[in-house]
Amino acid sequence: MTASKKGPGAVERITAGLRAKIESGKFPPGSKLPSLSEIQASEGIASQTAREVFRALERDGLAVTRQGKGSFVTPFLGKITRDGTGRYQPDARSEGGARGAFEAELNRLGLLFDRDRSTVDIDRVRPPREIAAALGLHHASNALRRHRNMWAVRDPQDPDSGFVVQIATSWFPLDLVTGTQIEQLDTGEGGSKSRLAELGHAHRTIRETIEVRFPTTDEAAALNIPEDRPVYDLLHHAMDAAGRVVEVAQHVMPVTTWRFSYTWELDAE
């Protein structure tokens, strides 16, 4: 006698049903999802099972929980494409008056960079040893650090349509940037890379390495994601024409929100 296959469990079945309603638009981005008690009552399941359903939706990047308000469809269901080859061209990073490539990428999707909620910490501190070494600094030397929790918003009139897109931390040698606009909150059109170019240190070579890992507790809290949702950890090194590293940046981004695109032109064989 052949054993029958077991059907999907309650969590998988209910999650799949809610996912289908989100993807079909029945629950559009930013809309409120049924509460835990409503799911329990309609599905006849225990509270722990209902919590696991919402955890699965959060892990997939489809839902976000707001303390005391309930669970909502994430404000943005698509993916932001990070053009790894074109984003640092001067025209691309200042397109439409953008303050850098990140803001230009959001604008192309109809999203806005929410400067009011994006936190920027600017200080002169000792960088991690590997970053100090990359910048050619003694391990006890300070560097300029710009640490940002970067928000995007779909509708400026609706604060609940905003979400943290990435955590970005950039490091610069003090001898290059002291007293410049790079130390200010607003680095101007084109961002810090345009200011470095004006100082005679335009980026000529860029090296990036990408790893996938789970976020730290602080990173998960800042991104408002569960700790078991993977993030991209992108480490960016920018060199000028002389080969000097003039910026090292770390970007931490949820894998459910971002994708990477690269284009190369190869020599003919």
C-alpha atoms as a PDB file:
ATOM      1  CA  MET A   1       0.000   0.000   0.000  1.00  0.00           C
ATOM      2  CA  THR A   2       1.457   3.343  -1.048  1.00  0.00           C
ATOM      3  CA  ALA A   3       1.474   6.025   1.604  1.00  0.00           C
ATOM      4  CA  SER A   4      -0.355   9.189   0.583  1.00  0.00           C
ATOM      5  CA  LYS A   5       1.596  12.419   0.377  1.00  0.00           C
ATOM      6  CA  LYS A   6       1.003  14.852   3.205  1.00  0.00           C
ATOM      7  CA  GLY A   7      -0.457  18.180   2.163  1.00  0.00           C
ATOM      8  CA  PRO A   8       1.054  21.481   3.224  1.00  0.00           C
ATOM      9  CA  GLY A   9       0.860  22.327   6.903  1.00  0.00           C
ATOM     10  CA  ALA A  10      -1.366  25.074   8.265  1.00  0.00           C
ATOM     11  CA  VAL A  11       1.421  27.682   8.306  1.00  0.00           C
ATOM     12  CA  GLU A  12       2.441  26.994   4.701  1.00  0.00           C
ATOM     13  CA  ARG A  13      -1.166  26.890   3.475  1.00  0.00           C
ATOM     14  CA  ILE A  14      -2.292  30.104   5.172  1.00  0.00           C
ATOM     15  CA  THR A  15       0.924  31.915   4.258  1.00  0.00           C
ATOM     16  CA  ALA A  16       0.503  30.914   0.613  1.00  0.00           C
ATOM     17  CA  GLY A  17      -3.059  32.235   0.639  1.00  0.00           C
ATOM     18  CA  LEU A  18      -2.049  35.604   2.075  1.00  0.00           C
ATOM     19  CA  ARG A  19       0.914  35.789  -0.295  1.00  0.00           C
ATOM     20  CA  ALA A  20      -1.413  35.266  -3.261  1.00  0.00           C
ATOM     21  CA  LYS A  21      -3.707  38.052  -2.036  1.00  0.00           C
ATOM     22  CA  ILE A  22      -0.738  40.407  -1.642  1.00  0.00           C
ATOM     23  CA  GLU A  23       0.687  39.592  -5.059  1.00  0.00           C
ATOM     24  CA  SER A  24      -2.726  39.965  -6.729  1.00  0.00           C
ATOM     25  CA  GLY A  25      -3.231  43.388  -5.170  1.00  0.00           C
ATOM     26  CA  LYS A  26      -6.121  42.449  -2.894  1.00  0.00           C
ATOM     27  CA  PHE A  27      -3.819  43.622  -0.113  1.00  0.00           C
ATOM     28  CA  PRO A  28      -1.870  46.453  -1.793  1.00  0.00           C
ATOM     29  CA  PRO A  29       1.448  47.866  -0.510  1.00  0.00           C
ATOM     30  CA  GLY A  30       1.001  49.571   2.853  1.00  0.00           C
ATOM     31  CA  SER A  31      -2.419  48.062   3.546  1.00  0.00           C
ATOM     32  CA  LYS A  32      -3.291  46.475   6.882  1.00  0.00           C
ATOM     33  CA  LEU A  33      -3.335  42.709   7.049  1.00  0.00           C
ATOM     34  CA  PRO A  34      -5.812  40.700   9.160  1.00  0.00           C
ATOM     35  CA  SER A  35      -4.881  40.652  12.825  1.00  0.00           C
ATOM     36  CA  LEU A  36      -3.602  37.638  14.715  1.00  0.00           C
ATOM     37  CA  SER A  37      -6.994  37.108  16.332  1.00  0.00           C
ATOM     38  CA  GLU A  38      -8.782  37.390  12.977  1.00  0.00           C
ATOM     39  CA  ILE A  39      -6.479  34.783  11.424  1.00  0.00           C
ATOM     40  CA  GLN A  40      -6.969  32.528  14.436  1.00  0.00           C
ATOM     41  CA  ALA A  41     -10.744  32.783  14.226  1.00  0.00           C
ATOM     42  CA  SER A  42     -11.058  32.429  10.445  1.00  0.00           C
ATOM     43  CA  GLU A  43      -8.601  29.531  10.172  1.00  0.00           C
ATOM     44  CA  GLY A  44      -9.279  27.804  13.491  1.00  0.00           C
ATOM     45  CA  ILE A  45      -5.614  27.782  14.489  1.00  0.00           C
ATOM     46  CA  ALA A  46      -3.638  28.441  17.640  1.00  0.00           C
ATOM     47  CA  SER A  47      -2.094  31.861  18.331  1.00  0.00           C
ATOM     48  CA  GLN A  48       1.420  30.469  17.912  1.00  0.00           C
ATOM     49  CA  THR A  49       0.526  29.147  14.457  1.00  0.00           C
ATOM     50  CA  ALA A  50      -0.859  32.558  13.482  1.00  0.00           C
ATOM     51  CA  ARG A  51       2.356  34.221  14.661  1.00  0.00           C
ATOM     52  CA  GLU A  52       4.379  31.815  12.521  1.00  0.00           C
ATOM     53  CA  VAL A  53       2.318  32.844   9.481  1.00  0.00           C
ATOM     54  CA  PHE A  54       3.204  36.493   9.980  1.00  0.00           C
ATOM     55  CA  ARG A  55       6.822  35.613  10.675  1.00  0.00           C
ATOM     56  CA  ALA A  56       6.964  33.786   7.345  1.00  0.00           C
ATOM     57  CA  LEU A  57       5.529  36.828   5.532  1.00  0.00           C
ATOM     58  CA  GLU A  58       8.039  39.112   7.247  1.00  0.00           C
ATOM     59  CA  ARG A  59      10.908  36.776   6.400  1.00  0.00           C
ATOM     60  CA  ASP A  60       9.869  36.874   2.723  1.00  0.00           C
ATOM     61  CA  GLY A  61       9.763  40.680   2.773  1.00  0.00           C
ATOM     62  CA  LEU A  62       5.999  40.829   2.237  1.00  0.00           C
ATOM     63  CA  ALA A  63       4.910  42.170   5.617  1.00  0.00           C
ATOM     64  CA  VAL A  64       6.088  44.488   8.343  1.00  0.00           C
ATOM     65  CA  THR A  65       4.832  44.690  11.930  1.00  0.00           C
ATOM     66  CA  ARG A  66       4.369  48.060  13.613  1.00  0.00           C
ATOM     67  CA  GLN A  67       4.369  47.985  17.385  1.00  0.00           C
ATOM     68  CA  GLY A  68       0.846  48.474  18.700  1.00  0.00           C
ATOM     69  CA  LYS A  69      -0.651  48.831  15.206  1.00  0.00           C
ATOM     70  CA  GLY A  70      -0.517  45.367  13.678  1.00  0.00           C
ATOM     71  CA  SER A  71       0.918  43.879  10.508  1.00  0.00           C
ATOM     72  CA  PHE A  72       0.941  45.614   7.129  1.00  0.00           C
ATOM     73  CA  VAL A  73       1.964  44.787   3.601  1.00  0.00           C
ATOM     74  CA  THR A  74       5.463  46.164   3.085  1.00  0.00           C
ATOM     75  CA  PRO A  75       5.338  49.633   1.438  1.00  0.00           C
ATOM     76  CA  PHE A  76       7.384  48.472  -1.566  1.00  0.00           C
ATOM     77  CA  LEU A  77       7.009  45.022  -3.115  1.00  0.00           C
ATOM     78  CA  GLY A  78       9.439  45.365  -6.015  1.00  0.00           C
ATOM     79  CA  LYS A  79      13.208  45.370  -6.033  1.00  0.00           C
ATOM     80  CA  ILE A  80      15.618  48.245  -6.339  1.00  0.00           C
ATOM     81  CA  THR A  81      18.207  47.515  -9.001  1.00  0.00           C
ATOM     82  CA  ARG A  82      21.683  48.619  -8.088  1.00  0.00           C
ATOM     83  CA  ASP A  83      23.480  49.205 -11.386  1.00  0.00           C
ATOM     84  CA  GLY A  84      27.006  48.268 -10.387  1.00  0.00           C
ATOM     85  CA  THR A  85      28.560  49.615 -13.590  1.00  0.00           C
ATOM     86  CA  GLY A  86      26.615  52.781 -14.391  1.00  0.00           C
ATOM     87  CA  ARG A  87      25.628  54.180 -10.998  1.00  0.00           C
ATOM     88  CA  TYR A  88      28.893  56.037 -10.375  1.00  0.00           C
ATOM     89  CA  GLN A  89      28.984  57.917 -13.664  1.00  0.00           C
ATOM     90  CA  PRO A  90      28.687  61.678 -12.956  1.00  0.00           C
ATOM     91  CA  ASP A  91      25.435  62.067 -14.926  1.00  0.00           C
ATOM     92  CA  ALA A  92      23.832  59.048 -13.231  1.00  0.00           C
ATOM     93  CA  ARG A  93      24.598  60.042  -9.658  1.00  0.00           C
ATOM     94  CA  SER A  94      23.375  63.643 -10.117  1.00  0.00           C
ATOM     95  CA  GLU A  95      20.354  62.861 -12.318  1.00  0.00           C
ATOM     96  CA  GLY A  96      17.437  65.122 -11.434  1.00  0.00           C
ATOM     97  CA  GLY A  97      19.515  66.890  -8.785  1.00  0.00           C
ATOM     98  CA  ALA A  98      20.059  63.668  -6.814  1.00  0.00           C
ATOM     99  CA  ARG A  99      22.612  63.710  -3.977  1.00  0.00           C
ATOM    100  CA  GLY A 100      24.278  60.556  -5.243  1.00  0.00           C
ATOM    101  CA  ALA A 101      23.611  57.269  -7.010  1.00  0.00           C
ATOM    102  CA  PHE A 102      21.326  55.897  -4.296  1.00  0.00           C
ATOM    103  CA  GLU A 103      18.853  58.769  -4.536  1.00  0.00           C
ATOM    104  CA  ALA A 104      18.897  58.596  -8.349  1.00  0.00           C
ATOM    105  CA  GLU A 105      18.066  54.860  -8.188  1.00  0.00           C
ATOM    106  CA  LEU A 106      15.056  55.552  -5.977  1.00  0.00           C
ATOM    107  CA  ASN A 107      13.831  58.361  -8.208  1.00  0.00           C
ATOM    108  CA  ARG A 108      13.769  56.062 -11.234  1.00  0.00           C
ATOM    109  CA  LEU A 109      11.322  53.788  -9.369  1.00  0.00           C
ATOM    110  CA  GLY A 110       9.031  56.642  -8.359  1.00  0.00           C
ATOM    111  CA  LEU A 111      10.332  56.527  -4.794  1.00  0.00           C
ATOM    112  CA  LEU A 112      11.726  59.491  -2.885  1.00  0.00           C
ATOM    113  CA  PHE A 113      14.704  59.716  -0.571  1.00  0.00           C
ATOM    114  CA  ASP A 114      13.206  60.710   2.797  1.00  0.00           C
ATOM    115  CA  ARG A 115      15.814  63.116   4.174  1.00  0.00           C
ATOM    116  CA  ASP A 116      13.699  64.032   7.188  1.00  0.00           C
ATOM    117  CA  ARG A 117      13.773  60.521   8.626  1.00  0.00           C
ATOM    118  CA  SER A 118      17.132  59.383   7.264  1.00  0.00           C
ATOM    119  CA  THR A 119      19.582  59.673  10.119  1.00  0.00           C
ATOM    120  CA  VAL A 120      23.123  60.828   9.345  1.00  0.00           C
ATOM    121  CA  ASP A 121      25.897  60.589  11.932  1.00  0.00           C
ATOM    122  CA  ILE A 122      29.109  62.369  10.952  1.00  0.00           C
ATOM    123  CA  ASP A 123      32.143  62.030  13.182  1.00  0.00           C
ATOM    124  CA  ARG A 124      35.876  61.560  13.301  1.00  0.00           C
ATOM    125  CA  VAL A 125      36.609  58.178  14.818  1.00  0.00           C
ATOM    126  CA  ARG A 126      39.013  55.290  14.550  1.00  0.00           C
ATOM    127  CA  PRO A 127      37.877  52.960  11.758  1.00  0.00           C
ATOM    128  CA  PRO A 128      38.042  49.164  11.963  1.00  0.00           C
ATOM    129  CA  ARG A 129      41.567  47.875  11.308  1.00  0.00           C
ATOM    130  CA  GLU A 130      40.807  46.516   7.846  1.00  0.00           C
ATOM    131  CA  ILE A 131      39.297  49.843   6.760  1.00  0.00           C
ATOM    132  CA  ALA A 132      42.206  51.812   8.211  1.00  0.00           C
ATOM    133  CA  ALA A 133      44.600  49.565   6.290  1.00  0.00           C
ATOM    134  CA  ALA A 134      42.652  50.049   3.052  1.00  0.00           C
ATOM    135  CA  LEU A 135      42.782  53.840   3.512  1.00  0.00           C
ATOM    136  CA  GLY A 136      46.513  53.691   4.199  1.00  0.00           C
ATOM    137  CA  LEU A 137      46.083  54.883   7.790  1.00  0.00           C
ATOM    138  CA  HIS A 138      47.791  53.827  10.989  1.00  0.00           C
ATOM    139  CA  HIS A 139      45.445  51.581  12.962  1.00  0.00           C
ATOM    140  CA  ALA A 140      45.150  54.221  15.708  1.00  0.00           C
ATOM    141  CA  SER A 141      44.383  57.098  13.314  1.00  0.00           C
ATOM    142  CA  ASN A 142      40.962  58.654  12.900  1.00  0.00           C
ATOM    143  CA  ALA A 143      38.976  58.949   9.688  1.00  0.00           C
ATOM    144  CA  LEU A 144      35.801  60.762   8.764  1.00  0.00           C
ATOM    145  CA  ARG A 145      32.795  58.478   9.134  1.00  0.00           C
ATOM    146  CA  ARG A 146      29.371  59.112   7.596  1.00  0.00           C
ATOM    147  CA  HIS A 147      26.831  56.607   8.954  1.00  0.00           C
ATOM    148  CA  ARG A 148      23.338  56.676   7.432  1.00  0.00           C
ATOM    149  CA  ASN A 149      20.071  54.832   7.962  1.00  0.00           C
ATOM    150  CA  MET A 150      18.551  55.633   4.587  1.00  0.00           C
ATOM    151  CA  TRP A 151      14.782  55.917   4.191  1.00  0.00           C
ATOM    152  CA  ALA A 152      12.656  55.808   1.051  1.00  0.00           C
ATOM    153  CA  VAL A 153       9.023  56.894   0.815  1.00  0.00           C
ATOM    154  CA  ARG A 154       6.317  56.212  -1.785  1.00  0.00           C
ATOM    155  CA  ASP A 155       4.001  59.063  -0.778  1.00  0.00           C
ATOM    156  CA  PRO A 156       5.401  62.114   1.060  1.00  0.00           C
ATOM    157  CA  GLN A 157       1.918  62.725   2.521  1.00  0.00           C
ATOM    158  CA  ASP A 158       1.772  59.228   4.024  1.00  0.00           C
ATOM    159  CA  PRO A 159       4.469  58.591   6.637  1.00  0.00           C
ATOM    160  CA  ASP A 160       3.527  54.897   6.801  1.00  0.00           C
ATOM    161  CA  SER A 161       4.674  54.489   3.167  1.00  0.00           C
ATOM    162  CA  GLY A 162       8.280  55.012   4.272  1.00  0.00           C
ATOM    163  CA  PHE A 163      10.827  52.284   4.970  1.00  0.00           C
ATOM    164  CA  VAL A 164      14.553  51.946   5.629  1.00  0.00           C
ATOM    165  CA  VAL A 165      16.220  50.781   2.422  1.00  0.00           C
ATOM    166  CA  GLN A 166      19.780  50.338   3.593  1.00  0.00           C
ATOM    167  CA  ILE A 167      22.377  51.115   6.224  1.00  0.00           C
ATOM    168  CA  ALA A 168      25.429  52.803   4.722  1.00  0.00           C
ATOM    169  CA  THR A 169      28.687  53.711   6.419  1.00  0.00           C
ATOM    170  CA  SER A 170      31.405  55.566   4.484  1.00  0.00           C
ATOM    171  CA  TRP A 171      34.960  56.288   5.605  1.00  0.00           C
ATOM    172  CA  PHE A 172      37.251  59.007   4.194  1.00  0.00           C
ATOM    173  CA  PRO A 173      40.856  60.050   4.968  1.00  0.00           C
ATOM    174  CA  LEU A 174      40.851  63.234   7.055  1.00  0.00           C
ATOM    175  CA  ASP A 175      43.612  64.875   5.030  1.00  0.00           C
ATOM    176  CA  LEU A 176      41.306  64.870   1.995  1.00  0.00           C
ATOM    177  CA  VAL A 177      37.965  65.907   3.456  1.00  0.00           C
ATOM    178  CA  THR A 178      38.580  68.084   6.531  1.00  0.00           C
ATOM    179  CA  GLY A 179      36.757  71.370   6.106  1.00  0.00           C
ATOM    180  CA  THR A 180      34.933  70.243   2.948  1.00  0.00           C
ATOM    181  CA  GLN A 181      31.239  69.750   2.205  1.00  0.00           C
ATOM    182  CA  ILE A 182      31.735  66.029   2.759  1.00  0.00           C
ATOM    183  CA  GLU A 183      31.666  66.842   6.473  1.00  0.00           C
ATOM    184  CA  GLN A 184      28.236  68.482   6.098  1.00  0.00           C
ATOM    185  CA  LEU A 185      24.803  66.839   6.259  1.00  0.00           C
ATOM    186  CA  ASP A 186      24.089  67.814   2.649  1.00  0.00           C
ATOM    187  CA  THR A 187      27.026  66.889   0.431  1.00  0.00           C
ATOM    188  CA  GLY A 188      25.454  68.650  -2.548  1.00  0.00           C
ATOM    189  CA  GLU A 189      24.385  67.532  -6.003  1.00  0.00           C
ATOM    190  CA  GLY A 190      26.158  64.333  -7.005  1.00  0.00           C
ATOM    191  CA  GLY A 191      27.075  63.532  -3.409  1.00  0.00           C
ATOM    192  CA  SER A 192      30.476  62.939  -1.846  1.00  0.00           C
ATOM    193  CA  LYS A 193      31.896  61.430  -5.020  1.00  0.00           C
ATOM    194  CA  SER A 194      31.363  64.688  -6.894  1.00  0.00           C
ATOM    195  CA  ARG A 195      32.997  66.617  -4.055  1.00  0.00           C
ATOM    196  CA  LEU A 196      36.023  64.297  -4.156  1.00  0.00           C
ATOM    197  CA  ALA A 197      36.256  64.850  -7.907  1.00  0.00           C
ATOM    198  CA  GLU A 198      36.319  68.613  -7.326  1.00  0.00           C
ATOM    199  CA  LEU A 199      39.180  68.068  -4.897  1.00  0.00           C
ATOM    200  CA  GLY A 200      41.184  66.261  -7.588  1.00  0.00           C
ATOM    201  CA  HIS A 201      40.395  62.750  -6.347  1.00  0.00           C
ATOM    202  CA  ALA A 202      37.724  61.547  -8.759  1.00  0.00           C
ATOM    203  CA  HIS A 203      36.969  57.840  -8.551  1.00  0.00           C
ATOM    204  CA  ARG A 204      38.775  55.962 -11.307  1.00  0.00           C
ATOM    205  CA  THR A 205      38.720  52.381 -10.034  1.00  0.00           C
ATOM    206  CA  ILE A 206      36.054  50.739  -7.889  1.00  0.00           C
ATOM    207  CA  ARG A 207      36.211  47.341  -6.230  1.00  0.00           C
ATOM    208  CA  GLU A 208      33.193  45.829  -4.513  1.00  0.00           C
ATOM    209  CA  THR A 209      32.777  42.565  -2.656  1.00  0.00           C
ATOM    210  CA  ILE A 210      29.370  41.190  -1.685  1.00  0.00           C
ATOM    211  CA  GLU A 211      28.496  38.633   0.949  1.00  0.00           C
ATOM    212  CA  VAL A 212      25.129  37.344   2.147  1.00  0.00           C
ATOM    213  CA  ARG A 213      24.668  36.980   5.883  1.00  0.00           C
ATOM    214  CA  PHE A 214      22.119  37.439   8.640  1.00  0.00           C
ATOM    215  CA  PRO A 215      21.888  40.927  10.165  1.00  0.00           C
ATOM    216  CA  THR A 216      23.089  41.812  13.616  1.00  0.00           C
ATOM    217  CA  THR A 217      20.435  42.677  16.188  1.00  0.00           C
ATOM    218  CA  ASP A 218      21.084  46.406  15.707  1.00  0.00           C
ATOM    219  CA  GLU A 219      20.969  46.106  11.908  1.00  0.00           C
ATOM    220  CA  ALA A 220      17.694  44.172  12.000  1.00  0.00           C
ATOM    221  CA  ALA A 221      16.174  46.809  14.279  1.00  0.00           C
ATOM    222  CA  ALA A 222      17.335  49.660  12.030  1.00  0.00           C
ATOM    223  CA  LEU A 223      15.995  47.942   8.888  1.00  0.00           C
ATOM    224  CA  ASN A 224      12.819  46.791  10.675  1.00  0.00           C
ATOM    225  CA  ILE A 225      13.318  43.215   9.509  1.00  0.00           C
ATOM    226  CA  PRO A 226      13.488  39.904  11.392  1.00  0.00           C
ATOM    227  CA  GLU A 227      16.948  38.679  12.310  1.00  0.00           C
ATOM    228  CA  ASP A 228      16.496  35.585  10.132  1.00  0.00           C
ATOM    229  CA  ARG A 229      16.002  37.577   6.910  1.00  0.00           C
ATOM    230  CA  PRO A 230      19.339  37.663   5.032  1.00  0.00           C
ATOM    231  CA  VAL A 231      21.045  40.895   4.024  1.00  0.00           C
ATOM    232  CA  TYR A 232      23.653  41.793   1.452  1.00  0.00           C
ATOM    233  CA  ASP A 233      26.876  43.106   2.981  1.00  0.00           C
ATOM    234  CA  LEU A 234      28.578  45.106   0.240  1.00  0.00           C
ATOM    235  CA  LEU A 235      32.069  46.520   0.825  1.00  0.00           C
ATOM    236  CA  HIS A 236      33.040  49.285  -1.581  1.00  0.00           C
ATOM    237  CA  HIS A 237      36.589  50.557  -2.221  1.00  0.00           C
ATOM    238  CA  ALA A 238      37.061  53.619  -4.454  1.00  0.00           C
ATOM    239  CA  MET A 239      40.478  54.597  -5.822  1.00  0.00           C
ATOM    240  CA  ASP A 240      41.584  57.795  -7.566  1.00  0.00           C
ATOM    241  CA  ALA A 241      43.803  58.025 -10.667  1.00  0.00           C
ATOM    242  CA  ALA A 242      46.923  57.561  -8.538  1.00  0.00           C
ATOM    243  CA  GLY A 243      45.521  54.348  -7.059  1.00  0.00           C
ATOM    244  CA  ARG A 244      44.879  55.834  -3.635  1.00  0.00           C
ATOM    245  CA  VAL A 245      41.803  54.535  -1.778  1.00  0.00           C
ATOM    246  CA  VAL A 246      39.785  57.681  -1.094  1.00  0.00           C
ATOM    247  CA  GLU A 247      36.614  56.054   0.252  1.00  0.00           C
ATOM    248  CA  VAL A 248      35.619  52.762   1.830  1.00  0.00           C
ATOM    249  CA  ALA A 249      31.904  52.147   2.301  1.00  0.00           C
ATOM    250  CA  GLN A 250      29.832  49.341   3.763  1.00  0.00           C
ATOM    251  CA  HIS A 251      26.229  48.906   2.624  1.00  0.00           C
ATOM    252  CA  VAL A 252      23.837  46.560   4.444  1.00  0.00           C
ATOM    253  CA  MET A 253      20.676  45.864   2.412  1.00  0.00           C
ATOM    254  CA  PRO A 254      17.817  43.332   2.736  1.00  0.00           C
ATOM    255  CA  VAL A 255      18.012  40.712  -0.012  1.00  0.00           C
ATOM    256  CA  THR A 256      14.231  40.988  -0.469  1.00  0.00           C
ATOM    257  CA  THR A 257      14.550  44.657  -1.496  1.00  0.00           C
ATOM    258  CA  TRP A 258      17.665  44.775  -3.674  1.00  0.00           C
ATOM    259  CA  ARG A 259      19.112  43.173  -6.777  1.00  0.00           C
ATOM    260  CA  PHE A 260      22.463  43.823  -8.472  1.00  0.00           C
ATOM    261  CA  SER A 261      23.092  44.416 -12.152  1.00  0.00           C
ATOM    262  CA  TYR A 262      26.500  44.498 -13.880  1.00  0.00           C
ATOM    263  CA  THR A 263      27.491  45.013 -17.508  1.00  0.00           C
ATOM    264  CA  TRP A 264      30.977  44.484 -18.952  1.00  0.00           C
ATOM    265  CA  GLU A 265      32.463  45.047 -22.360  1.00  0.00           C
ATOM    266  CA  LEU A 266      35.012  42.355 -23.166  1.00  0.00           C
ATOM    267  CA  ASP A 267      37.918  42.480 -25.575  1.00  0.00           C
ATOM    268  CA  ALA A 268      37.365  40.542 -28.791  1.00  0.00           C
ATOM    269  CA  GLU A 269      39.069  37.166 -28.889  1.00  0.00           C
END
